[in-house]
Amino acid sequence: MKPSTELFSLIKSLTKSEKRFFKLNSSLQTGDKNYLKIFDFIEKQKKYDEEELKNHFKNETFVKHLPSEKNHLYKLLLKSLRAYYSDRTVSSQLKQEIKNVEILYKKALYKECNKFVRRAKALAKDYEKFYYWFELINWEKKLLEEAYESGVFNQDLDELIKEETEVIEKLRNLAEYHILYSKINYIFRSGGFTRNEKEREVVAEIADYHLIKGKNTAISTRATTICYYIKGLCAASIRDYEDALVNFKKAKSVMDSNPKIKSDLQTRYIYTLSFLLHCYIDSYKFEKADELISQLLELETQKTYNSLDSKVRLFTSRFIGQMQLYNRQGNFKKTLELVPQIEEGLARFEDKINKEKKLLFTYSTAYAYFGMGEYRTALKFINEVLNDNEKMLRQDVYSFARIFNLVIHFELNNHDFLEYDMKSTARYLNKHDKDYEVEKLFMKEMRSLARINSDAEQRAIFENFDTKLAKLLKIDRENVILEYFDLRAWITSKLENVSLESAIKNLVK
């Protein structure tokens, strides 16, 4: 059985201050500290190698029961991290306060207990932490029973029950929004956009749900943010970027107006900015897109966004956004100038960056090399995308990567391979339920181009291709290909004998 790398991953995720805190706590303990020896050794490893670890400590008794020692170290690290972050998030503060309430209650220190309950409840209320708020109300009811038994009747039980009912309703309301979010997020993460009428019907059903289309249906600030976020996702998935912009702006505005909620919804805030950025890019509002990139960059300097998960999300959101912005503008050289920083970030965050983000980095890099005329390098990167095909994740990227792959082979004059790959691509596209005519047009014209060697005949095909594409792109839905590969600009570059960069810049003026 392959040794688990969980301990290695946890150790490698620690910051310098977290390691220092762990070592400081360890120094206060007495007795053997075999776990520290294991920690120090694993910390120095670049890749986990259990055999190397065993060999290094072969003369130590503890190596005979290494799994239990590793497990002990893992638990100690988590305990240290719990202590380190005990007062750094609202949730951890509330957990600590509730523990204090429980201790004071068991000590029959009801007056002191009541102070902690009220203080914690005010915090839960400010941050709309409904689960904790509900639990604290239960503690209040317990304390109320003790007060009644002591002859103190200065608090109304009916008011407390009314508050409890309101909190339960807010919790139920928020939970219902989260279910809707899961549905639309599944469509977006699997396909990037709706690919057929069936998927559009699912999105329409979500958009038409009473909590989404109704007025004042969100009964808390948290619910309001996710309501607008869902509306934005619904619009973005059908490529209605104007409506998406309106709703993502509203989601951002609600969070900006409620700093406490915003600080506790870091992931949603980052992703809201990220979606706004992509909406501006896809709407060709490049100045607005630049402003969003600056906002993401500014968040990186804020202490609130200093956690590892926020750093990773900010890194991926900013750099993927920048690459897609430059590629859309035809500034391929600027895209490639980002590559060293991106590679450094990928190495620094390693497995913390999910597959979707790595896929988008790779695709954008391939596109930039293609735009610079470095077709063989572009092919190398696009093959990385195609060779790592997932059956569920971002099928939009994989589909257009296949189309882009054919264009690269055409530019490399790989006509024999192009014929073979066209058949494979056609089978793939036919196997997936999509109703975009632009893909069918592309395949038809590429078949013709692959069989012709004469410049005059190729030009005639490109002219015909250009005419048909122009008509097709008048249908908003068919413009989807431009988000992945500017087919319109590529045809123009062939007809006018200019670079793809020049063709794009002329078209987006």
Protein backbone atom coordinates (compact mmCIF):
# COMPACT_ATOMS: atom_id res chain seq x y z
CA MET A 1 0.00 0.00 0.00
CA LYS A 2 1.28 3.45 -0.92
CA PRO A 3 2.20 5.52 2.18
CA SER A 4 -0.15 8.38 2.96
CA THR A 5 1.12 11.87 2.16
CA GLU A 6 -1.41 13.68 4.37
CA LEU A 7 1.15 14.55 7.08
CA PHE A 8 3.61 15.78 4.44
CA SER A 9 0.91 17.96 2.84
CA LEU A 10 -0.07 19.45 6.21
CA ILE A 11 3.54 20.25 7.15
CA LYS A 12 4.21 21.82 3.74
CA SER A 13 1.11 24.00 4.10
CA LEU A 14 2.37 25.61 7.32
CA THR A 15 3.55 29.20 7.30
CA LYS A 16 6.71 30.29 9.14
CA SER A 17 4.66 31.76 11.99
CA GLU A 18 2.57 28.56 12.29
CA LYS A 19 5.74 26.46 12.47
CA ARG A 20 7.23 28.81 15.07
CA PHE A 21 4.05 28.57 17.17
CA PHE A 22 4.12 24.76 16.96
CA LYS A 23 7.78 24.61 18.02
CA LEU A 24 7.13 27.03 20.88
CA ASN A 25 4.28 24.89 22.18
CA SER A 26 6.43 21.78 21.85
CA SER A 27 9.21 23.36 23.91
CA LEU A 28 6.78 23.63 26.83
CA GLN A 29 6.20 19.86 26.82
CA THR A 30 8.34 17.37 28.73
CA GLY A 31 9.41 13.84 27.79
CA ASP A 32 10.45 12.30 24.49
CA LYS A 33 9.63 14.31 21.42
CA ASN A 34 10.04 11.85 18.60
CA TYR A 35 7.34 13.72 16.73
CA LEU A 36 9.66 16.73 16.44
CA LYS A 37 12.36 14.60 14.83
CA ILE A 38 9.83 13.38 12.28
CA PHE A 39 8.55 16.93 11.74
CA ASP A 40 12.02 18.34 11.10
CA PHE A 41 12.92 15.58 8.66
CA ILE A 42 9.68 15.74 6.64
CA GLU A 43 9.85 19.54 6.54
CA LYS A 44 13.13 19.30 4.62
CA GLN A 45 11.81 16.80 2.06
CA LYS A 46 10.77 18.20 -1.31
CA LYS A 47 8.69 15.10 -2.04
CA TYR A 48 7.44 12.67 0.55
CA ASP A 49 9.58 9.52 0.72
CA GLU A 50 8.69 7.19 3.58
CA GLU A 51 11.54 4.79 2.85
CA GLU A 52 13.98 7.66 3.18
CA LEU A 53 12.34 8.60 6.48
CA LYS A 54 12.56 5.03 7.83
CA ASN A 55 16.16 4.66 6.74
CA HIS A 56 17.16 7.90 8.42
CA PHE A 57 15.69 6.78 11.76
CA LYS A 58 16.49 3.06 11.41
CA ASN A 59 18.33 3.06 14.75
CA GLU A 60 15.47 4.75 16.60
CA THR A 61 12.95 2.62 18.50
CA PHE A 62 9.96 4.73 17.44
CA VAL A 63 10.44 3.82 13.76
CA LYS A 64 8.93 0.38 14.55
CA HIS A 65 5.59 2.04 15.11
CA LEU A 66 5.99 4.90 12.65
CA PRO A 67 2.30 5.07 11.57
CA SER A 68 1.18 5.82 15.14
CA GLU A 69 3.97 8.39 15.56
CA LYS A 70 2.93 10.10 12.34
CA ASN A 71 -0.69 10.08 13.45
CA HIS A 72 0.33 11.59 16.80
CA LEU A 73 2.26 14.36 15.03
CA TYR A 74 -0.69 15.04 12.71
CA LYS A 75 -3.03 15.48 15.70
CA LEU A 76 -0.54 17.71 17.51
CA LEU A 77 -0.21 19.93 14.44
CA LEU A 78 -3.98 20.29 14.18
CA LYS A 79 -4.19 21.06 17.90
CA SER A 80 -1.49 23.70 17.49
CA LEU A 81 -3.30 25.22 14.51
CA ARG A 82 -6.57 25.31 16.46
CA ALA A 83 -4.83 27.26 19.21
CA TYR A 84 -3.08 29.52 16.69
CA TYR A 85 -6.36 30.43 14.97
CA SER A 86 -8.54 30.33 18.08
CA ASP A 87 -9.40 34.03 17.87
CA ARG A 88 -8.66 34.82 14.21
CA THR A 89 -12.05 34.06 12.68
CA VAL A 90 -15.55 34.80 13.86
CA SER A 91 -16.47 31.12 13.84
CA SER A 92 -13.48 30.17 16.02
CA GLN A 93 -14.27 33.04 18.44
CA LEU A 94 -17.87 31.89 18.73
CA LYS A 95 -16.81 28.27 19.29
CA GLN A 96 -14.53 29.42 22.11
CA GLU A 97 -17.27 31.55 23.63
CA ILE A 98 -19.76 28.68 23.56
CA LYS A 99 -17.18 26.43 25.27
CA ASN A 100 -16.78 29.13 27.94
CA VAL A 101 -20.56 29.30 28.36
CA GLU A 102 -20.75 25.52 28.83
CA ILE A 103 -17.96 25.55 31.44
CA LEU A 104 -19.49 28.44 33.42
CA TYR A 105 -22.91 26.80 33.31
CA LYS A 106 -21.55 23.55 34.73
CA LYS A 107 -19.87 25.59 37.46
CA ALA A 108 -23.33 27.06 38.26
CA LEU A 109 -21.93 30.54 37.58
CA TYR A 110 -25.11 31.61 35.83
CA LYS A 111 -24.63 35.38 36.10
CA GLU A 112 -21.20 35.19 34.49
CA CYS A 113 -22.51 32.66 31.97
CA ASN A 114 -25.26 35.05 30.93
CA LYS A 115 -22.69 37.78 30.16
CA PHE A 116 -20.80 35.45 27.83
CA VAL A 117 -24.02 34.38 26.10
CA ARG A 118 -25.11 37.95 25.43
CA ARG A 119 -21.68 38.98 24.18
CA ALA A 120 -21.39 35.96 21.89
CA LYS A 121 -24.94 36.40 20.61
CA ALA A 122 -24.22 40.02 19.64
CA LEU A 123 -21.21 38.78 17.66
CA ALA A 124 -23.24 36.03 15.96
CA LYS A 125 -25.94 38.56 15.11
CA ASP A 126 -23.49 41.08 13.61
CA TYR A 127 -21.93 38.43 11.37
CA GLU A 128 -25.17 36.54 10.72
CA LYS A 129 -23.75 33.27 12.01
CA PHE A 130 -27.15 31.66 12.33
CA TYR A 131 -26.05 28.22 13.57
CA TYR A 132 -24.19 29.77 16.52
CA TRP A 133 -26.93 32.33 17.09
CA PHE A 134 -29.49 29.51 17.35
CA GLU A 135 -27.29 27.57 19.81
CA LEU A 136 -26.80 30.67 21.96
CA ILE A 137 -30.56 31.24 22.12
CA ASN A 138 -30.86 27.68 23.50
CA TRP A 139 -28.34 28.60 26.19
CA GLU A 140 -30.39 31.72 26.96
CA LYS A 141 -33.48 29.55 27.42
CA LYS A 142 -31.55 27.30 29.83
CA LEU A 143 -30.40 30.33 31.80
CA LEU A 144 -33.93 31.67 31.79
CA GLU A 145 -35.14 28.49 33.49
CA GLU A 146 -32.52 28.97 36.19
CA ALA A 147 -33.58 32.62 36.61
CA TYR A 148 -37.26 31.68 36.96
CA GLU A 149 -36.38 29.09 39.60
CA SER A 150 -34.52 31.81 41.46
CA GLY A 151 -37.54 34.11 41.29
CA VAL A 152 -36.12 36.44 38.64
CA PHE A 153 -38.66 37.25 35.91
CA ASN A 154 -37.03 40.18 34.09
CA GLN A 155 -36.86 38.51 30.64
CA ASP A 156 -39.78 37.59 28.39
CA LEU A 157 -39.69 33.98 27.14
CA ASP A 158 -42.10 34.85 24.31
CA GLU A 159 -39.61 37.37 22.91
CA LEU A 160 -36.88 34.76 23.01
CA ILE A 161 -39.06 32.21 21.21
CA LYS A 162 -39.95 34.83 18.59
CA GLU A 163 -36.24 35.55 18.04
CA GLU A 164 -35.53 31.82 17.76
CA THR A 165 -38.26 31.44 15.12
CA GLU A 166 -36.79 34.32 13.08
CA VAL A 167 -33.29 32.82 13.24
CA ILE A 168 -34.59 29.41 12.13
CA GLU A 169 -36.39 31.05 9.21
CA LYS A 170 -33.25 32.94 8.17
CA LEU A 171 -31.24 29.74 8.40
CA ARG A 172 -33.79 27.85 6.29
CA ASN A 173 -33.89 30.70 3.75
CA LEU A 174 -30.10 30.75 3.43
CA ALA A 175 -29.94 26.95 3.11
CA GLU A 176 -32.43 27.06 0.24
CA TYR A 177 -30.26 29.57 -1.60
CA HIS A 178 -27.24 27.31 -1.12
CA ILE A 179 -29.11 24.44 -2.79
CA LEU A 180 -29.86 26.67 -5.79
CA TYR A 181 -26.25 27.78 -5.90
CA SER A 182 -25.06 24.15 -6.00
CA LYS A 183 -27.27 23.50 -9.03
CA ILE A 184 -26.10 26.46 -11.11
CA ASN A 185 -22.48 25.99 -10.02
CA TYR A 186 -22.58 22.38 -11.26
CA ILE A 187 -23.61 23.55 -14.74
CA PHE A 188 -20.97 26.27 -14.77
CA ARG A 189 -18.09 24.10 -13.52
CA SER A 190 -18.91 21.21 -15.83
CA GLY A 191 -19.51 23.17 -19.03
CA GLY A 192 -18.55 26.81 -18.51
CA PHE A 193 -21.77 27.80 -20.25
CA THR A 194 -25.02 26.16 -21.29
CA ARG A 195 -24.34 23.92 -24.28
CA ASN A 196 -27.84 22.89 -25.31
CA GLU A 197 -31.52 23.61 -24.82
CA LYS A 198 -31.83 21.12 -21.98
CA GLU A 199 -29.18 22.93 -19.93
CA ARG A 200 -30.72 26.30 -20.76
CA GLU A 201 -34.03 25.01 -19.43
CA VAL A 202 -32.35 24.05 -16.12
CA VAL A 203 -30.85 27.55 -15.83
CA ALA A 204 -34.21 29.14 -16.70
CA GLU A 205 -35.86 27.04 -14.00
CA ILE A 206 -33.36 28.26 -11.41
CA ALA A 207 -33.70 31.88 -12.58
CA ASP A 208 -37.49 31.55 -12.37
CA TYR A 209 -37.46 30.11 -8.84
CA HIS A 210 -39.47 32.26 -6.45
CA LEU A 211 -36.45 33.04 -4.24
CA ILE A 212 -34.52 34.28 -7.27
CA LYS A 213 -37.09 36.18 -9.32
CA GLY A 214 -39.13 37.51 -6.37
CA LYS A 215 -38.55 40.81 -4.58
CA ASN A 216 -37.27 40.92 -0.99
CA THR A 217 -37.12 37.12 -0.84
CA ALA A 218 -33.66 37.10 0.78
CA ILE A 219 -34.23 37.80 4.48
CA SER A 220 -30.61 38.30 5.55
CA THR A 221 -27.54 40.04 4.17
CA ARG A 222 -25.82 36.70 3.55
CA ALA A 223 -28.84 35.46 1.62
CA THR A 224 -28.94 38.70 -0.39
CA THR A 225 -25.33 38.28 -1.50
CA ILE A 226 -25.84 34.70 -2.65
CA CYS A 227 -29.14 35.61 -4.35
CA TYR A 228 -27.43 38.20 -6.57
CA TYR A 229 -24.47 35.84 -7.05
CA ILE A 230 -26.81 33.09 -8.32
CA LYS A 231 -28.53 35.57 -10.65
CA GLY A 232 -25.12 36.56 -11.99
CA LEU A 233 -24.14 32.93 -12.57
CA CYS A 234 -27.42 32.18 -14.34
CA ALA A 235 -26.89 35.12 -16.69
CA ALA A 236 -23.20 34.32 -17.27
CA SER A 237 -23.97 30.67 -18.08
CA ILE A 238 -26.23 31.76 -20.95
CA ARG A 239 -23.70 34.49 -21.87
CA ASP A 240 -25.98 37.40 -20.99
CA TYR A 241 -23.07 39.46 -19.72
CA GLU A 242 -24.98 42.72 -19.28
CA ASP A 243 -27.39 41.06 -16.83
CA ALA A 244 -24.51 39.17 -15.22
CA LEU A 245 -22.65 42.46 -14.65
CA VAL A 246 -25.70 44.04 -13.03
CA ASN A 247 -26.11 41.20 -10.55
CA PHE A 248 -22.44 40.63 -9.71
CA LYS A 249 -22.15 44.39 -9.08
CA LYS A 250 -25.11 44.17 -6.70
CA ALA A 251 -23.53 41.23 -4.87
CA LYS A 252 -20.28 43.21 -4.52
CA SER A 253 -22.14 46.33 -3.37
CA VAL A 254 -24.02 44.44 -0.64
CA MET A 255 -20.75 43.01 0.70
CA ASP A 256 -18.95 46.36 0.47
CA SER A 257 -21.80 47.94 2.48
CA ASN A 258 -21.49 45.27 5.19
CA PRO A 259 -17.77 44.99 6.06
CA LYS A 260 -18.28 42.34 8.74
CA ILE A 261 -20.20 40.04 6.41
CA LYS A 262 -17.70 40.78 3.63
CA SER A 263 -14.74 39.78 5.82
CA ASP A 264 -16.43 36.45 6.55
CA LEU A 265 -17.33 35.82 2.90
CA GLN A 266 -13.87 36.15 1.42
CA THR A 267 -14.27 33.37 -1.13
CA ARG A 268 -17.55 34.80 -2.44
CA TYR A 269 -16.07 38.29 -2.64
CA ILE A 270 -13.00 37.11 -4.58
CA TYR A 271 -15.12 35.06 -6.98
CA THR A 272 -17.55 37.94 -7.43
CA LEU A 273 -14.66 40.17 -8.53
CA SER A 274 -13.38 37.34 -10.73
CA PHE A 275 -16.73 36.95 -12.49
CA LEU A 276 -17.04 40.71 -12.93
CA LEU A 277 -13.59 40.67 -14.53
CA HIS A 278 -14.54 37.93 -16.99
CA CYS A 279 -17.83 39.65 -17.83
CA TYR A 280 -15.94 42.85 -18.68
CA ILE A 281 -13.46 40.90 -20.83
CA ASP A 282 -16.22 39.06 -22.70
CA SER A 283 -18.06 42.37 -23.19
CA TYR A 284 -14.84 44.00 -24.52
CA LYS A 285 -14.86 46.55 -21.65
CA PHE A 286 -11.12 46.34 -21.19
CA GLU A 287 -10.61 49.45 -19.03
CA LYS A 288 -13.12 48.11 -16.51
CA ALA A 289 -11.34 44.75 -16.61
CA ASP A 290 -8.04 46.50 -15.75
CA GLU A 291 -9.74 48.15 -12.76
CA LEU A 292 -10.90 44.75 -11.48
CA ILE A 293 -7.37 43.32 -11.79
CA SER A 294 -6.12 46.25 -9.70
CA GLN A 295 -8.79 45.52 -7.07
CA LEU A 296 -7.74 41.85 -6.89
CA LEU A 297 -4.11 42.95 -6.57
CA GLU A 298 -5.04 45.36 -3.77
CA LEU A 299 -6.78 42.56 -1.84
CA GLU A 300 -3.52 40.61 -1.83
CA THR A 301 -2.01 43.34 0.38
CA GLN A 302 -4.82 43.23 2.96
CA LYS A 303 -4.29 41.28 6.17
CA THR A 304 -7.86 39.98 6.03
CA TYR A 305 -6.98 37.99 2.89
CA ASN A 306 -3.76 36.54 4.31
CA SER A 307 -4.98 32.95 4.71
CA LEU A 308 -3.59 30.32 2.34
CA ASP A 309 -6.94 29.60 0.67
CA SER A 310 -7.52 33.32 -0.02
CA LYS A 311 -3.97 33.72 -1.36
CA VAL A 312 -4.50 30.81 -3.76
CA ARG A 313 -7.85 32.16 -4.98
CA LEU A 314 -6.46 35.66 -5.46
CA PHE A 315 -3.44 34.30 -7.34
CA THR A 316 -5.53 32.19 -9.74
CA SER A 317 -8.26 34.81 -10.23
CA ARG A 318 -5.84 37.64 -10.98
CA PHE A 319 -3.46 35.82 -13.28
CA ILE A 320 -6.09 33.85 -15.21
CA GLY A 321 -7.99 37.11 -15.64
CA GLN A 322 -4.89 38.95 -16.83
CA MET A 323 -3.97 36.21 -19.32
CA GLN A 324 -7.47 36.12 -20.78
CA LEU A 325 -7.62 39.92 -20.95
CA TYR A 326 -4.30 40.21 -22.82
CA ASN A 327 -5.20 37.34 -25.16
CA ARG A 328 -8.55 38.92 -25.96
CA GLN A 329 -6.76 42.19 -26.77
CA GLY A 330 -4.17 40.40 -28.89
CA ASN A 331 -1.39 41.39 -26.45
CA PHE A 332 0.17 37.93 -26.54
CA LYS A 333 3.64 39.14 -25.57
CA LYS A 334 2.22 40.60 -22.34
CA THR A 335 0.54 37.27 -21.60
CA LEU A 336 3.83 35.40 -21.95
CA GLU A 337 5.57 37.95 -19.71
CA LEU A 338 3.29 36.72 -16.92
CA VAL A 339 4.39 33.08 -17.33
CA PRO A 340 7.46 33.22 -15.00
CA GLN A 341 5.33 34.69 -12.18
CA ILE A 342 2.63 32.08 -12.81
CA GLU A 343 5.13 29.22 -12.79
CA GLU A 344 6.55 30.53 -9.51
CA GLY A 345 3.04 30.65 -8.04
CA LEU A 346 2.19 27.16 -9.30
CA ALA A 347 5.36 25.83 -7.65
CA ARG A 348 4.66 27.73 -4.42
CA PHE A 349 1.04 26.61 -4.05
CA GLU A 350 1.52 23.18 -5.68
CA ASP A 351 -1.50 20.93 -5.08
CA LYS A 352 -3.51 23.78 -3.55
CA ILE A 353 -4.41 24.93 -7.07
CA ASN A 354 -7.29 22.89 -8.44
CA LYS A 355 -7.42 21.20 -11.81
CA GLU A 356 -9.79 23.74 -13.39
CA LYS A 357 -7.41 26.61 -12.72
CA LYS A 358 -4.39 24.68 -14.02
CA LEU A 359 -6.39 23.85 -17.13
CA LEU A 360 -7.16 27.53 -17.76
CA PHE A 361 -3.52 28.53 -17.22
CA THR A 362 -2.35 25.91 -19.73
CA TYR A 363 -4.96 26.80 -22.36
CA SER A 364 -4.23 30.54 -22.10
CA THR A 365 -0.50 29.88 -22.42
CA ALA A 366 -1.07 27.77 -25.55
CA TYR A 367 -3.17 30.57 -27.07
CA ALA A 368 -0.50 33.19 -26.33
CA TYR A 369 2.26 31.13 -27.99
CA PHE A 370 0.00 30.60 -30.99
CA GLY A 371 -0.61 34.34 -31.20
CA MET A 372 3.16 34.91 -31.24
CA GLY A 373 3.51 32.44 -34.12
CA GLU A 374 5.29 29.84 -31.97
CA TYR A 375 3.06 27.01 -33.15
CA ARG A 376 5.13 24.06 -31.92
CA THR A 377 5.21 25.45 -28.39
CA ALA A 378 1.49 26.15 -28.62
CA LEU A 379 0.95 22.53 -29.67
CA LYS A 380 2.93 21.30 -26.65
CA PHE A 381 0.66 23.19 -24.25
CA ILE A 382 -2.61 22.34 -26.01
CA ASN A 383 -1.60 18.66 -25.90
CA GLU A 384 -1.29 18.99 -22.13
CA VAL A 385 -4.94 20.07 -22.08
CA LEU A 386 -6.11 17.31 -24.42
CA ASN A 387 -4.13 14.55 -22.72
CA ASP A 388 -5.68 15.35 -19.35
CA ASN A 389 -9.30 15.13 -20.42
CA GLU A 390 -11.86 14.98 -17.62
CA LYS A 391 -15.31 13.61 -18.33
CA MET A 392 -17.07 16.25 -16.21
CA LEU A 393 -14.81 19.27 -15.65
CA ARG A 394 -15.03 22.30 -17.98
CA GLN A 395 -16.00 20.48 -21.15
CA ASP A 396 -16.15 23.87 -22.89
CA VAL A 397 -12.37 24.20 -22.61
CA TYR A 398 -11.75 20.64 -23.81
CA SER A 399 -14.12 21.07 -26.77
CA PHE A 400 -12.54 24.28 -28.01
CA ALA A 401 -9.07 22.93 -27.29
CA ARG A 402 -9.79 20.27 -29.92
CA ILE A 403 -10.84 22.93 -32.42
CA PHE A 404 -7.80 25.06 -31.55
CA ASN A 405 -5.59 21.97 -31.95
CA LEU A 406 -6.74 21.59 -35.58
CA VAL A 407 -5.85 25.22 -36.32
CA ILE A 408 -2.36 24.72 -34.88
CA HIS A 409 -1.79 21.64 -37.06
CA PHE A 410 -3.02 23.61 -40.08
CA GLU A 411 -0.48 26.35 -39.37
CA LEU A 412 2.25 23.69 -39.00
CA ASN A 413 1.23 22.23 -42.39
CA ASN A 414 0.61 18.85 -40.75
CA HIS A 415 -2.01 18.00 -43.37
CA ASP A 416 -1.70 14.23 -43.06
CA PHE A 417 -2.17 14.37 -39.31
CA LEU A 418 -4.91 16.99 -39.74
CA GLU A 419 -7.04 14.56 -41.75
CA TYR A 420 -6.74 11.92 -39.02
CA ASP A 421 -7.33 14.37 -36.15
CA MET A 422 -10.38 15.86 -37.88
CA LYS A 423 -12.13 12.49 -37.67
CA SER A 424 -11.28 12.13 -33.99
CA THR A 425 -12.49 15.69 -33.25
CA ALA A 426 -15.72 15.15 -35.20
CA ARG A 427 -16.46 12.00 -33.18
CA TYR A 428 -15.81 13.88 -29.93
CA LEU A 429 -18.01 16.85 -30.87
CA ASN A 430 -20.84 14.62 -32.11
CA LYS A 431 -20.75 12.62 -28.90
CA HIS A 432 -21.51 15.69 -26.78
CA ASP A 433 -24.94 17.26 -26.87
CA LYS A 434 -24.37 20.83 -28.11
CA ASP A 435 -26.33 22.98 -30.50
CA TYR A 436 -23.70 25.48 -31.64
CA GLU A 437 -23.63 25.85 -35.43
CA VAL A 438 -20.23 27.54 -35.36
CA GLU A 439 -18.56 24.23 -34.53
CA LYS A 440 -20.23 22.53 -37.50
CA LEU A 441 -19.21 25.37 -39.82
CA PHE A 442 -15.61 25.20 -38.57
CA MET A 443 -15.36 21.44 -39.15
CA LYS A 444 -16.83 21.71 -42.65
CA GLU A 445 -14.47 24.47 -43.77
CA MET A 446 -11.40 22.90 -42.15
CA ARG A 447 -12.04 19.69 -44.07
CA SER A 448 -11.94 21.72 -47.26
CA LEU A 449 -8.77 23.58 -46.23
CA ALA A 450 -7.00 20.35 -45.26
CA ARG A 451 -7.44 18.95 -48.77
CA ILE A 452 -6.27 22.03 -50.69
CA ASN A 453 -2.66 23.09 -51.29
CA SER A 454 -3.20 25.87 -53.83
CA ASP A 455 -2.99 29.37 -52.31
CA ALA A 456 -5.73 30.66 -54.61
CA GLU A 457 -8.10 27.84 -53.70
CA GLN A 458 -7.36 28.24 -49.98
CA ARG A 459 -8.10 31.95 -50.21
CA ALA A 460 -11.45 31.20 -51.85
CA ILE A 461 -12.31 28.84 -48.97
CA PHE A 462 -11.27 31.42 -46.39
CA GLU A 463 -13.42 34.07 -48.10
CA ASN A 464 -16.41 31.74 -48.06
CA PHE A 465 -15.63 30.81 -44.45
CA ASP A 466 -15.46 34.50 -43.49
CA THR A 467 -18.83 35.30 -45.10
CA LYS A 468 -20.63 32.41 -43.43
CA LEU A 469 -19.01 33.07 -40.05
CA ALA A 470 -19.99 36.76 -40.13
CA LYS A 471 -23.65 35.79 -40.59
CA LEU A 472 -23.47 33.18 -37.85
CA LEU A 473 -21.83 35.51 -35.33
CA LYS A 474 -24.82 37.85 -35.54
CA ILE A 475 -26.50 35.26 -33.32
CA ASP A 476 -25.29 36.02 -29.79
CA ARG A 477 -25.09 32.39 -28.77
CA GLU A 478 -22.67 31.54 -31.59
CA ASN A 479 -20.12 34.12 -30.37
CA VAL A 480 -19.06 31.67 -27.69
CA ILE A 481 -16.07 30.49 -29.75
CA LEU A 482 -14.49 33.96 -29.55
CA GLU A 483 -14.02 33.50 -25.80
CA TYR A 484 -11.64 30.60 -26.47
CA PHE A 485 -10.23 31.31 -29.91
CA ASP A 486 -10.84 34.37 -32.08
CA LEU A 487 -11.74 32.45 -35.22
CA ARG A 488 -12.93 35.64 -36.88
CA ALA A 489 -9.51 37.30 -36.38
CA TRP A 490 -7.65 34.19 -37.53
CA ILE A 491 -9.55 34.13 -40.84
CA THR A 492 -8.90 37.87 -41.24
CA SER A 493 -5.17 37.30 -40.64
CA LYS A 494 -5.11 34.72 -43.44
CA LEU A 495 -7.04 36.91 -45.89
CA GLU A 496 -5.06 40.09 -45.18
CA ASN A 497 -1.73 38.36 -44.62
CA VAL A 498 -1.20 39.99 -41.21
CA SER A 499 -0.40 38.58 -37.77
CA LEU A 500 -3.19 37.33 -35.52
CA GLU A 501 -2.24 40.10 -33.08
CA SER A 502 -2.82 42.80 -35.72
CA ALA A 503 -6.08 41.22 -36.84
CA ILE A 504 -7.44 41.09 -33.26
CA LYS A 505 -6.39 44.66 -32.47
CA ASN A 506 -8.07 45.94 -35.63
CA LEU A 507 -11.28 44.07 -34.82
CA VAL A 508 -11.55 45.18 -31.16
CA LYS A 509 -10.92 48.88 -31.81
